[in-house]
Amino acid sequence: MTQYLLSVYMVEGIADPSPEELEAAYRDVDVFNEKLQAQGAWVFAGGLHPPETATVVRVQDGDVLTIDGPFAEAKEHLGGFWIIEALDLDAALALAAEATVACKAPVEVRPFEEMPEA
């Protein structure tokens, strides 16, 4: 089975959900997470704080710098993710379709690179 990253994107300019909508989304995500676990597709998942809480660590001219983030200035930012195991891309896309409905945000699907055997 291949592992896939399902990235949840938050889009600036879209009205923040009401407390009731947010609570419903959390419930829907909990149900989705339980389904992933029951199917054996669950590896790990997490939600992230807003991008203004980020710190960027980078090397510049041989020095390691820490800078208040985010790294990229964009209208979309990573809000959370799942790491799942699926038989193939079609299976991962089917789960991503359920994920986007549950979290009410766009979900990007990317396979992990396979590690070469030693």
C-alpha atoms as a PDB file:
ATOM      1  CA  MET A   1       0.000   0.000   0.000  1.00  0.00           C
ATOM      2  CA  THR A   2       1.105   3.532  -0.718  1.00  0.00           C
ATOM      3  CA  GLN A   3       0.980   6.354   1.789  1.00  0.00           C
ATOM      4  CA  TYR A   4      -0.675   9.606   0.712  1.00  0.00           C
ATOM      5  CA  LEU A   5      -0.744  13.072   2.224  1.00  0.00           C
ATOM      6  CA  LEU A   6      -4.205  14.638   2.218  1.00  0.00           C
ATOM      7  CA  SER A   7      -3.552  18.349   2.769  1.00  0.00           C
ATOM      8  CA  VAL A   8      -6.436  20.543   3.897  1.00  0.00           C
ATOM      9  CA  TYR A   9      -6.243  24.105   2.593  1.00  0.00           C
ATOM     10  CA  MET A  10      -7.831  27.124   4.179  1.00  0.00           C
ATOM     11  CA  VAL A  11      -8.604  29.937   1.724  1.00  0.00           C
ATOM     12  CA  GLU A  12      -8.369  33.597   2.787  1.00  0.00           C
ATOM     13  CA  GLY A  13     -11.313  35.780   1.899  1.00  0.00           C
ATOM     14  CA  ILE A  14     -13.884  33.096   2.579  1.00  0.00           C
ATOM     15  CA  ALA A  15     -16.003  33.957   5.598  1.00  0.00           C
ATOM     16  CA  ASP A  16     -15.055  32.148   8.788  1.00  0.00           C
ATOM     17  CA  PRO A  17     -17.548  29.423   9.689  1.00  0.00           C
ATOM     18  CA  SER A  18     -20.009  30.100  12.481  1.00  0.00           C
ATOM     19  CA  PRO A  19     -19.424  28.278  15.767  1.00  0.00           C
ATOM     20  CA  GLU A  20     -22.226  25.879  14.822  1.00  0.00           C
ATOM     21  CA  GLU A  21     -20.696  25.178  11.400  1.00  0.00           C
ATOM     22  CA  LEU A  22     -17.274  24.660  12.971  1.00  0.00           C
ATOM     23  CA  GLU A  23     -18.704  22.243  15.539  1.00  0.00           C
ATOM     24  CA  ALA A  24     -20.477  20.291  12.778  1.00  0.00           C
ATOM     25  CA  ALA A  25     -17.237  20.097  10.755  1.00  0.00           C
ATOM     26  CA  TYR A  26     -15.340  18.779  13.803  1.00  0.00           C
ATOM     27  CA  ARG A  27     -18.008  16.094  14.286  1.00  0.00           C
ATOM     28  CA  ASP A  28     -17.872  15.156  10.595  1.00  0.00           C
ATOM     29  CA  VAL A  29     -14.073  14.940  10.694  1.00  0.00           C
ATOM     30  CA  ASP A  30     -14.261  12.729  13.810  1.00  0.00           C
ATOM     31  CA  VAL A  31     -16.611  10.369  11.947  1.00  0.00           C
ATOM     32  CA  PHE A  32     -14.266  10.345   8.929  1.00  0.00           C
ATOM     33  CA  ASN A  33     -11.260   9.659  11.185  1.00  0.00           C
ATOM     34  CA  GLU A  34     -13.080   6.731  12.794  1.00  0.00           C
ATOM     35  CA  LYS A  35     -13.838   5.340   9.323  1.00  0.00           C
ATOM     36  CA  LEU A  36     -10.176   5.622   8.294  1.00  0.00           C
ATOM     37  CA  GLN A  37      -9.118   3.814  11.461  1.00  0.00           C
ATOM     38  CA  ALA A  38     -11.703   1.048  10.987  1.00  0.00           C
ATOM     39  CA  GLN A  39     -10.565   0.514   7.370  1.00  0.00           C
ATOM     40  CA  GLY A  40      -6.889   0.383   8.353  1.00  0.00           C
ATOM     41  CA  ALA A  41      -6.135   3.456   6.192  1.00  0.00           C
ATOM     42  CA  TRP A  42      -5.309   5.756   9.133  1.00  0.00           C
ATOM     43  CA  VAL A  43      -1.649   6.610   9.721  1.00  0.00           C
ATOM     44  CA  PHE A  44      -1.736  10.068  11.307  1.00  0.00           C
ATOM     45  CA  ALA A  45      -3.651  13.350  11.140  1.00  0.00           C
ATOM     46  CA  GLY A  46      -3.572  16.795  12.655  1.00  0.00           C
ATOM     47  CA  GLY A  47      -4.919  20.299  12.466  1.00  0.00           C
ATOM     48  CA  LEU A  48      -2.636  23.307  12.445  1.00  0.00           C
ATOM     49  CA  HIS A  49      -2.769  26.727  14.064  1.00  0.00           C
ATOM     50  CA  PRO A  50      -3.040  29.714  11.684  1.00  0.00           C
ATOM     51  CA  PRO A  51       0.000  30.577   9.535  1.00  0.00           C
ATOM     52  CA  GLU A  52       0.852  33.674  11.564  1.00  0.00           C
ATOM     53  CA  THR A  53       1.917  31.301  14.379  1.00  0.00           C
ATOM     54  CA  ALA A  54       4.624  29.750  12.161  1.00  0.00           C
ATOM     55  CA  THR A  55       8.357  30.197  12.559  1.00  0.00           C
ATOM     56  CA  VAL A  56      10.644  29.637   9.578  1.00  0.00           C
ATOM     57  CA  VAL A  57      14.109  28.154  10.171  1.00  0.00           C
ATOM     58  CA  ARG A  58      16.555  28.555   7.288  1.00  0.00           C
ATOM     59  CA  VAL A  59      20.234  28.798   6.435  1.00  0.00           C
ATOM     60  CA  GLN A  60      21.415  32.075   4.918  1.00  0.00           C
ATOM     61  CA  ASP A  61      25.106  32.784   4.248  1.00  0.00           C
ATOM     62  CA  GLY A  62      26.045  29.913   6.556  1.00  0.00           C
ATOM     63  CA  ASP A  63      23.981  31.204   9.475  1.00  0.00           C
ATOM     64  CA  VAL A  64      20.834  29.550  10.781  1.00  0.00           C
ATOM     65  CA  LEU A  65      18.061  32.121  11.070  1.00  0.00           C
ATOM     66  CA  THR A  66      14.661  31.876  12.721  1.00  0.00           C
ATOM     67  CA  ILE A  67      12.067  34.239  11.299  1.00  0.00           C
ATOM     68  CA  ASP A  68       8.426  34.778  12.175  1.00  0.00           C
ATOM     69  CA  GLY A  69       6.415  33.014   9.473  1.00  0.00           C
ATOM     70  CA  PRO A  70       4.713  32.004   7.410  1.00  0.00           C
ATOM     71  CA  PHE A  71       7.274  30.948   4.821  1.00  0.00           C
ATOM     72  CA  ALA A  72       5.053  31.666   1.829  1.00  0.00           C
ATOM     73  CA  GLU A  73       2.743  34.624   1.466  1.00  0.00           C
ATOM     74  CA  ALA A  74      -0.342  33.183  -0.141  1.00  0.00           C
ATOM     75  CA  LYS A  75      -4.118  33.322  -0.064  1.00  0.00           C
ATOM     76  CA  GLU A  76      -4.245  29.621   0.724  1.00  0.00           C
ATOM     77  CA  HIS A  77      -2.479  27.961   3.610  1.00  0.00           C
ATOM     78  CA  LEU A  78      -2.207  24.499   5.066  1.00  0.00           C
ATOM     79  CA  GLY A  79      -4.798  24.076   7.787  1.00  0.00           C
ATOM     80  CA  GLY A  80      -4.389  20.401   8.565  1.00  0.00           C
ATOM     81  CA  PHE A  81      -3.625  17.020   7.055  1.00  0.00           C
ATOM     82  CA  TRP A  82      -4.104  13.295   7.053  1.00  0.00           C
ATOM     83  CA  ILE A  83      -1.534  10.670   6.213  1.00  0.00           C
ATOM     84  CA  ILE A  84      -3.332   7.611   4.908  1.00  0.00           C
ATOM     85  CA  GLU A  85      -2.520   4.272   3.326  1.00  0.00           C
ATOM     86  CA  ALA A  86      -4.439   3.325   0.200  1.00  0.00           C
ATOM     87  CA  LEU A  87      -4.144   0.642  -2.468  1.00  0.00           C
ATOM     88  CA  ASP A  88      -3.794   3.212  -5.259  1.00  0.00           C
ATOM     89  CA  LEU A  89      -4.456   6.817  -6.257  1.00  0.00           C
ATOM     90  CA  ASP A  90      -8.119   6.102  -7.052  1.00  0.00           C
ATOM     91  CA  ALA A  91      -8.682   4.801  -3.530  1.00  0.00           C
ATOM     92  CA  ALA A  92      -6.866   7.817  -2.060  1.00  0.00           C
ATOM     93  CA  LEU A  93      -8.970  10.188  -4.176  1.00  0.00           C
ATOM     94  CA  ALA A  94     -12.163   8.503  -2.984  1.00  0.00           C
ATOM     95  CA  LEU A  95     -11.101   9.058   0.621  1.00  0.00           C
ATOM     96  CA  ALA A  96     -10.123  12.657  -0.181  1.00  0.00           C
ATOM     97  CA  ALA A  97     -13.625  13.220  -1.566  1.00  0.00           C
ATOM     98  CA  GLU A  98     -15.025  12.184   1.805  1.00  0.00           C
ATOM     99  CA  ALA A  99     -12.413  14.301   3.600  1.00  0.00           C
ATOM    100  CA  THR A 100     -13.305  17.487   1.719  1.00  0.00           C
ATOM    101  CA  VAL A 101     -16.984  16.997   2.547  1.00  0.00           C
ATOM    102  CA  ALA A 102     -16.159  16.364   6.224  1.00  0.00           C
ATOM    103  CA  CYS A 103     -13.796  19.312   6.750  1.00  0.00           C
ATOM    104  CA  LYS A 104     -15.542  21.635   4.261  1.00  0.00           C
ATOM    105  CA  ALA A 105     -12.261  22.761   2.711  1.00  0.00           C
ATOM    106  CA  PRO A 106     -10.198  21.839  -0.362  1.00  0.00           C
ATOM    107  CA  VAL A 107      -8.021  18.723   0.013  1.00  0.00           C
ATOM    108  CA  GLU A 108      -4.882  18.061  -2.051  1.00  0.00           C
ATOM    109  CA  VAL A 109      -3.715  14.457  -2.518  1.00  0.00           C
ATOM    110  CA  ARG A 110      -0.016  13.621  -2.926  1.00  0.00           C
ATOM    111  CA  PRO A 111       1.726  10.263  -2.724  1.00  0.00           C
ATOM    112  CA  PHE A 112       4.813   9.861  -0.589  1.00  0.00           C
ATOM    113  CA  GLU A 113       7.993   8.856  -2.376  1.00  0.00           C
ATOM    114  CA  GLU A 114       8.853   5.253  -1.749  1.00  0.00           C
ATOM    115  CA  MET A 115      12.115   4.682   0.062  1.00  0.00           C
ATOM    116  CA  PRO A 116      14.614   2.540  -1.832  1.00  0.00           C
ATOM    117  CA  GLU A 117      15.386  -0.767  -0.206  1.00  0.00           C
ATOM    118  CA  ALA A 118      18.798  -0.956   1.416  1.00  0.00           C
END
